[in-house]
Amino acid sequence: MSETGAAFDKNAAMDQVCVGNGTDERFLFAAQAPGGVRVLHLLAPGEVLCSDGTEAGRGVVSVYETADALEGCSRLVATGRTEALLRYVDFDRCAWTSNS
């Protein structure tokens, strides 16, 4: 199960991994919580995408410039939090809330 929404400051449940779009552009985002499925969604600025998992641990969030892009940016993130993209830069050099 996954969810999208416009609550950029959303708190993720303890078995969820969430990713938010903190830029002023639309990008394709992916999220996968431990034991969960990978979900993809085109997010507008301020929107959030969450993936439900089956356990606490680390999940993966990613962003791509377009659906056809081969390269993007990915981060390992702890469940129970929302990681936000602050700036998109090619070749996995994006600025995220956890590394800025």
Foldseek 3Di string as FASTA:
>chain_A
DKDKDQQLQDWFDQQKEKEAEQEQAWWWKWKAGAQWDIDIDTDHHRMMMMIGHDHWDWIKMWIDRDPPDPWTAMDIDTGGGYKYFNAGDTDRPTDIPVRD
